[in-house]
Amino acid sequence: MKSDNKENPLKFYAKYSSLALQMIVIIVGGAFGGKALDAKLKMEFPAFTVGLTILSVVIAIIYGMRGLFKDK
């Protein structure tokens, strides 16, 4: 029999791969949103692309850290 304190390896990989996928979606969404804003406002320098990409990376890191240290 399996012991109760061991977690299923498949569940372990699914949890962390879904967390990584969600972080990627946050970052890509911020980058595409910034690019769309720059195109709509016809900006010469891609300020929204740079700003929203950096902001979305910070948000994704915070989200990832909360997911890693969350109790089951």
PDB file of N, CA and C in Angstrom:
ATOM      1  N   MET A   1       0.824  -1.185   0.000  1.00  0.00           N
ATOM      2  CA  MET A   1       0.000   0.000   0.000  1.00  0.00           C
ATOM      3  C   MET A   1       0.868   1.248   0.000  1.00  0.00           C
ATOM      4  N   LYS A   2       0.309   2.291  -0.538  1.00  0.00           N
ATOM      5  CA  LYS A   2       1.002   3.572  -0.530  1.00  0.00           C
ATOM      6  C   LYS A   2       0.833   4.242   0.823  1.00  0.00           C
ATOM      7  N   SER A   3       1.868   4.980   1.205  1.00  0.00           N
ATOM      8  CA  SER A   3       1.724   5.738   2.448  1.00  0.00           C
ATOM      9  C   SER A   3       0.961   7.023   2.165  1.00  0.00           C
ATOM     10  N   ASP A   4       0.274   7.537   3.165  1.00  0.00           N
ATOM     11  CA  ASP A   4      -0.576   8.711   2.990  1.00  0.00           C
ATOM     12  C   ASP A   4       0.209  10.003   2.814  1.00  0.00           C
ATOM     13  N   ASN A   5       1.456  10.059   3.295  1.00  0.00           N
ATOM     14  CA  ASN A   5       2.192  11.312   3.233  1.00  0.00           C
ATOM     15  C   ASN A   5       2.867  11.533   1.882  1.00  0.00           C
ATOM     16  N   LYS A   6       2.885  10.528   1.003  1.00  0.00           N
ATOM     17  CA  LYS A   6       3.461  10.708  -0.327  1.00  0.00           C
ATOM     18  C   LYS A   6       2.379  11.161  -1.294  1.00  0.00           C
ATOM     19  N   GLU A   7       2.753  12.138  -2.133  1.00  0.00           N
ATOM     20  CA  GLU A   7       1.815  12.665  -3.100  1.00  0.00           C
ATOM     21  C   GLU A   7       2.026  11.943  -4.431  1.00  0.00           C
ATOM     22  N   ASN A   8       0.990  11.799  -5.194  1.00  0.00           N
ATOM     23  CA  ASN A   8       1.063  11.186  -6.501  1.00  0.00           C
ATOM     24  C   ASN A   8       1.994  12.009  -7.404  1.00  0.00           C
ATOM     25  N   PRO A   9       2.996  11.399  -8.053  1.00  0.00           N
ATOM     26  CA  PRO A   9       3.924  12.171  -8.895  1.00  0.00           C
ATOM     27  C   PRO A   9       3.220  12.888 -10.036  1.00  0.00           C
ATOM     28  N   LEU A  10       2.210  12.287 -10.602  1.00  0.00           N
ATOM     29  CA  LEU A  10       1.486  12.931 -11.690  1.00  0.00           C
ATOM     30  C   LEU A  10       0.792  14.197 -11.200  1.00  0.00           C
ATOM     31  N   LYS A  11       0.221  14.134 -10.020  1.00  0.00           N
ATOM     32  CA  LYS A  11      -0.429  15.312  -9.440  1.00  0.00           C
ATOM     33  C   LYS A  11       0.593  16.415  -9.174  1.00  0.00           C
ATOM     34  N   PHE A  12       1.784  16.027  -8.737  1.00  0.00           N
ATOM     35  CA  PHE A  12       2.871  16.975  -8.478  1.00  0.00           C
ATOM     36  C   PHE A  12       3.255  17.712  -9.759  1.00  0.00           C
ATOM     37  N   TYR A  13       3.472  16.971 -10.851  1.00  0.00           N
ATOM     38  CA  TYR A  13       3.861  17.593 -12.119  1.00  0.00           C
ATOM     39  C   TYR A  13       2.729  18.428 -12.702  1.00  0.00           C
ATOM     40  N   ALA A  14       1.518  17.990 -12.573  1.00  0.00           N
ATOM     41  CA  ALA A  14       0.373  18.739 -13.091  1.00  0.00           C
ATOM     42  C   ALA A  14       0.225  20.073 -12.367  1.00  0.00           C
ATOM     43  N   LYS A  15       0.447  20.066 -11.063  1.00  0.00           N
ATOM     44  CA  LYS A  15       0.309  21.289 -10.273  1.00  0.00           C
ATOM     45  C   LYS A  15       1.315  22.345 -10.721  1.00  0.00           C
ATOM     46  N   TYR A  16       2.572  21.946 -10.856  1.00  0.00           N
ATOM     47  CA  TYR A  16       3.606  22.927 -11.173  1.00  0.00           C
ATOM     48  C   TYR A  16       3.654  23.273 -12.652  1.00  0.00           C
ATOM     49  N   SER A  17       3.273  22.377 -13.520  1.00  0.00           N
ATOM     50  CA  SER A  17       3.235  22.732 -14.934  1.00  0.00           C
ATOM     51  C   SER A  17       2.063  23.670 -15.219  1.00  0.00           C
ATOM     52  N   SER A  18       0.953  23.496 -14.525  1.00  0.00           N
ATOM     53  CA  SER A  18      -0.166  24.422 -14.711  1.00  0.00           C
ATOM     54  C   SER A  18       0.176  25.802 -14.139  1.00  0.00           C
ATOM     55  N   LEU A  19       0.935  25.838 -13.057  1.00  0.00           N
ATOM     56  CA  LEU A  19       1.376  27.113 -12.499  1.00  0.00           C
ATOM     57  C   LEU A  19       2.285  27.835 -13.490  1.00  0.00           C
ATOM     58  N   ALA A  20       3.201  27.106 -14.108  1.00  0.00           N
ATOM     59  CA  ALA A  20       4.098  27.698 -15.100  1.00  0.00           C
ATOM     60  C   ALA A  20       3.322  28.201 -16.316  1.00  0.00           C
ATOM     61  N   LEU A  21       2.350  27.431 -16.755  1.00  0.00           N
ATOM     62  CA  LEU A  21       1.537  27.842 -17.896  1.00  0.00           C
ATOM     63  C   LEU A  21       0.749  29.109 -17.582  1.00  0.00           C
ATOM     64  N   GLN A  22       0.212  29.206 -16.391  1.00  0.00           N
ATOM     65  CA  GLN A  22      -0.529  30.398 -16.005  1.00  0.00           C
ATOM     66  C   GLN A  22       0.387  31.626 -15.945  1.00  0.00           C
ATOM     67  N   MET A  23       1.607  31.432 -15.476  1.00  0.00           N
ATOM     68  CA  MET A  23       2.560  32.541 -15.438  1.00  0.00           C
ATOM     69  C   MET A  23       2.914  33.002 -16.852  1.00  0.00           C
ATOM     70  N   ILE A  24       3.085  32.060 -17.765  1.00  0.00           N
ATOM     71  CA  ILE A  24       3.387  32.405 -19.157  1.00  0.00           C
ATOM     72  C   ILE A  24       2.235  33.173 -19.782  1.00  0.00           C
ATOM     73  N   VAL A  25       1.016  32.753 -19.506  1.00  0.00           N
ATOM     74  CA  VAL A  25      -0.163  33.434 -20.054  1.00  0.00           C
ATOM     75  C   VAL A  25      -0.249  34.869 -19.532  1.00  0.00           C
ATOM     76  N   ILE A  26       0.069  35.088 -18.265  1.00  0.00           N
ATOM     77  CA  ILE A  26       0.054  36.437 -17.695  1.00  0.00           C
ATOM     78  C   ILE A  26       1.075  37.321 -18.410  1.00  0.00           C
ATOM     79  N   ILE A  27       2.284  36.814 -18.617  1.00  0.00           N
ATOM     80  CA  ILE A  27       3.340  37.607 -19.248  1.00  0.00           C
ATOM     81  C   ILE A  27       3.010  37.896 -20.712  1.00  0.00           C
ATOM     82  N   VAL A  28       2.572  36.888 -21.444  1.00  0.00           N
ATOM     83  CA  VAL A  28       2.244  37.083 -22.860  1.00  0.00           C
ATOM     84  C   VAL A  28       1.042  38.020 -23.011  1.00  0.00           C
ATOM     85  N   GLY A  29       0.076  37.898 -22.118  1.00  0.00           N
ATOM     86  CA  GLY A  29      -1.074  38.801 -22.156  1.00  0.00           C
ATOM     87  C   GLY A  29      -0.676  40.248 -21.936  1.00  0.00           C
ATOM     88  N   GLY A  30       0.239  40.475 -21.007  1.00  0.00           N
ATOM     89  CA  GLY A  30       0.721  41.841 -20.777  1.00  0.00           C
ATOM     90  C   GLY A  30       1.477  42.384 -21.968  1.00  0.00           C
ATOM     91  N   ALA A  31       2.295  41.556 -22.598  1.00  0.00           N
ATOM     92  CA  ALA A  31       3.061  41.995 -23.760  1.00  0.00           C
ATOM     93  C   ALA A  31       2.150  42.321 -24.941  1.00  0.00           C
ATOM     94  N   PHE A  32       1.189  41.442 -25.226  1.00  0.00           N
ATOM     95  CA  PHE A  32       0.280  41.703 -26.337  1.00  0.00           C
ATOM     96  C   PHE A  32      -0.652  42.876 -26.047  1.00  0.00           C
ATOM     97  N   GLY A  33      -1.063  43.021 -24.794  1.00  0.00           N
ATOM     98  CA  GLY A  33      -1.895  44.176 -24.433  1.00  0.00           C
ATOM     99  C   GLY A  33      -1.145  45.482 -24.616  1.00  0.00           C
ATOM    100  N   GLY A  34       0.111  45.510 -24.206  1.00  0.00           N
ATOM    101  CA  GLY A  34       0.924  46.712 -24.403  1.00  0.00           C
ATOM    102  C   GLY A  34       1.161  47.008 -25.859  1.00  0.00           C
ATOM    103  N   LYS A  35       1.387  45.963 -26.654  1.00  0.00           N
ATOM    104  CA  LYS A  35       1.598  46.165 -28.091  1.00  0.00           C
ATOM    105  C   LYS A  35       0.335  46.714 -28.749  1.00  0.00           C
ATOM    106  N   ALA A  36      -0.822  46.211 -28.325  1.00  0.00           N
ATOM    107  CA  ALA A  36      -2.085  46.696 -28.885  1.00  0.00           C
ATOM    108  C   ALA A  36      -2.325  48.157 -28.514  1.00  0.00           C
ATOM    109  N   LEU A  37      -2.008  48.521 -27.274  1.00  0.00           N
ATOM    110  CA  LEU A  37      -2.168  49.916 -26.866  1.00  0.00           C
ATOM    111  C   LEU A  37      -1.228  50.843 -27.635  1.00  0.00           C
ATOM    112  N   ASP A  38       0.010  50.410 -27.829  1.00  0.00           N
ATOM    113  CA  ASP A  38       0.961  51.218 -28.593  1.00  0.00           C
ATOM    114  C   ASP A  38       0.501  51.395 -30.033  1.00  0.00           C
ATOM    115  N   ALA A  39      -0.038  50.334 -30.626  1.00  0.00           N
ATOM    116  CA  ALA A  39      -0.518  50.426 -31.999  1.00  0.00           C
ATOM    117  C   ALA A  39      -1.745  51.326 -32.098  1.00  0.00           C
ATOM    118  N   LYS A  40      -2.637  51.224 -31.121  1.00  0.00           N
ATOM    119  CA  LYS A  40      -3.861  52.026 -31.148  1.00  0.00           C
ATOM    120  C   LYS A  40      -3.557  53.517 -30.972  1.00  0.00           C
ATOM    121  N   LEU A  41      -2.615  53.820 -30.095  1.00  0.00           N
ATOM    122  CA  LEU A  41      -2.260  55.216 -29.838  1.00  0.00           C
ATOM    123  C   LEU A  41      -1.173  55.742 -30.768  1.00  0.00           C
ATOM    124  N   LYS A  42      -0.681  54.872 -31.672  1.00  0.00           N
ATOM    125  CA  LYS A  42       0.353  55.225 -32.650  1.00  0.00           C
ATOM    126  C   LYS A  42       1.571  55.860 -31.976  1.00  0.00           C
ATOM    127  N   MET A  43       2.073  55.196 -30.975  1.00  0.00           N
ATOM    128  CA  MET A  43       3.217  55.708 -30.223  1.00  0.00           C
ATOM    129  C   MET A  43       4.506  55.368 -30.958  1.00  0.00           C
ATOM    130  N   GLU A  44       5.448  56.318 -30.923  1.00  0.00           N
ATOM    131  CA  GLU A  44       6.733  56.116 -31.585  1.00  0.00           C
ATOM    132  C   GLU A  44       7.607  55.140 -30.780  1.00  0.00           C
ATOM    133  N   PHE A  45       7.662  55.345 -29.465  1.00  0.00           N
ATOM    134  CA  PHE A  45       8.402  54.449 -28.579  1.00  0.00           C
ATOM    135  C   PHE A  45       7.405  53.489 -27.929  1.00  0.00           C
ATOM    136  N   PRO A  46       7.704  52.208 -27.899  1.00  0.00           N
ATOM    137  CA  PRO A  46       6.738  51.229 -27.354  1.00  0.00           C
ATOM    138  C   PRO A  46       6.677  51.249 -25.823  1.00  0.00           C
ATOM    139  N   ALA A  47       6.223  52.347 -25.276  1.00  0.00           N
ATOM    140  CA  ALA A  47       6.212  52.530 -23.821  1.00  0.00           C
ATOM    141  C   ALA A  47       5.249  51.563 -23.135  1.00  0.00           C
ATOM    142  N   PHE A  48       4.069  51.389 -23.698  1.00  0.00           N
ATOM    143  CA  PHE A  48       3.097  50.487 -23.077  1.00  0.00           C
ATOM    144  C   PHE A  48       3.556  49.030 -23.172  1.00  0.00           C
ATOM    145  N   THR A  49       4.197  48.676 -24.269  1.00  0.00           N
ATOM    146  CA  THR A  49       4.702  47.309 -24.400  1.00  0.00           C
ATOM    147  C   THR A  49       5.750  47.025 -23.333  1.00  0.00           C
ATOM    148  N   VAL A  50       6.691  47.928 -23.172  1.00  0.00           N
ATOM    149  CA  VAL A  50       7.738  47.748 -22.172  1.00  0.00           C
ATOM    150  C   VAL A  50       7.143  47.773 -20.766  1.00  0.00           C
ATOM    151  N   GLY A  51       6.322  48.766 -20.489  1.00  0.00           N
ATOM    152  CA  GLY A  51       5.749  48.919 -19.154  1.00  0.00           C
ATOM    153  C   GLY A  51       4.855  47.761 -18.744  1.00  0.00           C
ATOM    154  N   LEU A  52       3.954  47.362 -19.632  1.00  0.00           N
ATOM    155  CA  LEU A  52       3.039  46.274 -19.283  1.00  0.00           C
ATOM    156  C   LEU A  52       3.741  44.920 -19.241  1.00  0.00           C
ATOM    157  N   THR A  53       4.789  44.758 -20.053  1.00  0.00           N
ATOM    158  CA  THR A  53       5.544  43.510 -19.985  1.00  0.00           C
ATOM    159  C   THR A  53       6.260  43.388 -18.647  1.00  0.00           C
ATOM    160  N   ILE A  54       6.910  44.456 -18.214  1.00  0.00           N
ATOM    161  CA  ILE A  54       7.597  44.433 -16.918  1.00  0.00           C
ATOM    162  C   ILE A  54       6.592  44.244 -15.786  1.00  0.00           C
ATOM    163  N   LEU A  55       5.471  44.936 -15.852  1.00  0.00           N
ATOM    164  CA  LEU A  55       4.437  44.792 -14.828  1.00  0.00           C
ATOM    165  C   LEU A  55       3.879  43.366 -14.795  1.00  0.00           C
ATOM    166  N   SER A  56       3.664  42.782 -15.955  1.00  0.00           N
ATOM    167  CA  SER A  56       3.117  41.428 -15.981  1.00  0.00           C
ATOM    168  C   SER A  56       4.142  40.398 -15.494  1.00  0.00           C
ATOM    169  N   VAL A  57       5.436  40.639 -15.704  1.00  0.00           N
ATOM    170  CA  VAL A  57       6.456  39.734 -15.167  1.00  0.00           C
ATOM    171  C   VAL A  57       6.445  39.787 -13.639  1.00  0.00           C
ATOM    172  N   VAL A  58       6.347  40.988 -13.091  1.00  0.00           N
ATOM    173  CA  VAL A  58       6.291  41.130 -11.630  1.00  0.00           C
ATOM    174  C   VAL A  58       5.046  40.444 -11.075  1.00  0.00           C
ATOM    175  N   ILE A  59       3.913  40.647 -11.721  1.00  0.00           N
ATOM    176  CA  ILE A  59       2.668  40.012 -11.280  1.00  0.00           C
ATOM    177  C   ILE A  59       2.775  38.490 -11.375  1.00  0.00           C
ATOM    178  N   ALA A  60       3.375  37.989 -12.456  1.00  0.00           N
ATOM    179  CA  ALA A  60       3.529  36.544 -12.619  1.00  0.00           C
ATOM    180  C   ALA A  60       4.453  35.960 -11.557  1.00  0.00           C
ATOM    181  N   ILE A  61       5.513  36.676 -11.192  1.00  0.00           N
ATOM    182  CA  ILE A  61       6.414  36.191 -10.151  1.00  0.00           C
ATOM    183  C   ILE A  61       5.694  36.136  -8.805  1.00  0.00           C
ATOM    184  N   ILE A  62       4.938  37.168  -8.486  1.00  0.00           N
ATOM    185  CA  ILE A  62       4.180  37.182  -7.230  1.00  0.00           C
ATOM    186  C   ILE A  62       3.152  36.043  -7.226  1.00  0.00           C
ATOM    187  N   TYR A  63       2.474  35.873  -8.349  1.00  0.00           N
ATOM    188  CA  TYR A  63       1.487  34.792  -8.462  1.00  0.00           C
ATOM    189  C   TYR A  63       2.155  33.422  -8.306  1.00  0.00           C
ATOM    190  N   GLY A  64       3.306  33.260  -8.927  1.00  0.00           N
ATOM    191  CA  GLY A  64       4.026  31.995  -8.836  1.00  0.00           C
ATOM    192  C   GLY A  64       4.511  31.707  -7.434  1.00  0.00           C
ATOM    193  N   MET A  65       5.018  32.719  -6.755  1.00  0.00           N
ATOM    194  CA  MET A  65       5.500  32.521  -5.390  1.00  0.00           C
ATOM    195  C   MET A  65       4.341  32.154  -4.457  1.00  0.00           C
ATOM    196  N   ARG A  66       3.213  32.798  -4.653  1.00  0.00           N
ATOM    197  CA  ARG A  66       2.046  32.453  -3.819  1.00  0.00           C
ATOM    198  C   ARG A  66       1.602  31.020  -4.082  1.00  0.00           C
ATOM    199  N   GLY A  67       1.694  30.585  -5.347  1.00  0.00           N
ATOM    200  CA  GLY A  67       1.315  29.224  -5.693  1.00  0.00           C
ATOM    201  C   GLY A  67       2.292  28.192  -5.155  1.00  0.00           C
ATOM    202  N   LEU A  68       3.565  28.538  -5.105  1.00  0.00           N
ATOM    203  CA  LEU A  68       4.570  27.602  -4.616  1.00  0.00           C
ATOM    204  C   LEU A  68       4.475  27.397  -3.106  1.00  0.00           C
ATOM    205  N   PHE A  69       4.195  28.466  -2.383  1.00  0.00           N
ATOM    206  CA  PHE A  69       4.208  28.385  -0.927  1.00  0.00           C
ATOM    207  C   PHE A  69       2.836  28.185  -0.306  1.00  0.00           C
ATOM    208  N   LYS A  70       1.827  27.999  -1.151  1.00  0.00           N
ATOM    209  CA  LYS A  70       0.477  27.780  -0.646  1.00  0.00           C
ATOM    210  C   LYS A  70       0.370  26.376  -0.074  1.00  0.00           C
ATOM    211  N   ASP A  71      -0.297  26.279   1.050  1.00  0.00           N
ATOM    212  CA  ASP A  71      -0.537  24.962   1.641  1.00  0.00           C
ATOM    213  C   ASP A  71      -1.580  24.235   0.823  1.00  0.00           C
ATOM    214  N   LYS A  72      -1.275  23.049   0.429  1.00  0.00           N
ATOM    215  CA  LYS A  72      -2.161  22.179  -0.343  1.00  0.00           C
ATOM    216  C   LYS A  72      -3.470  22.818  -0.576  1.00  0.00           C
TER     217      LYS A  72
END
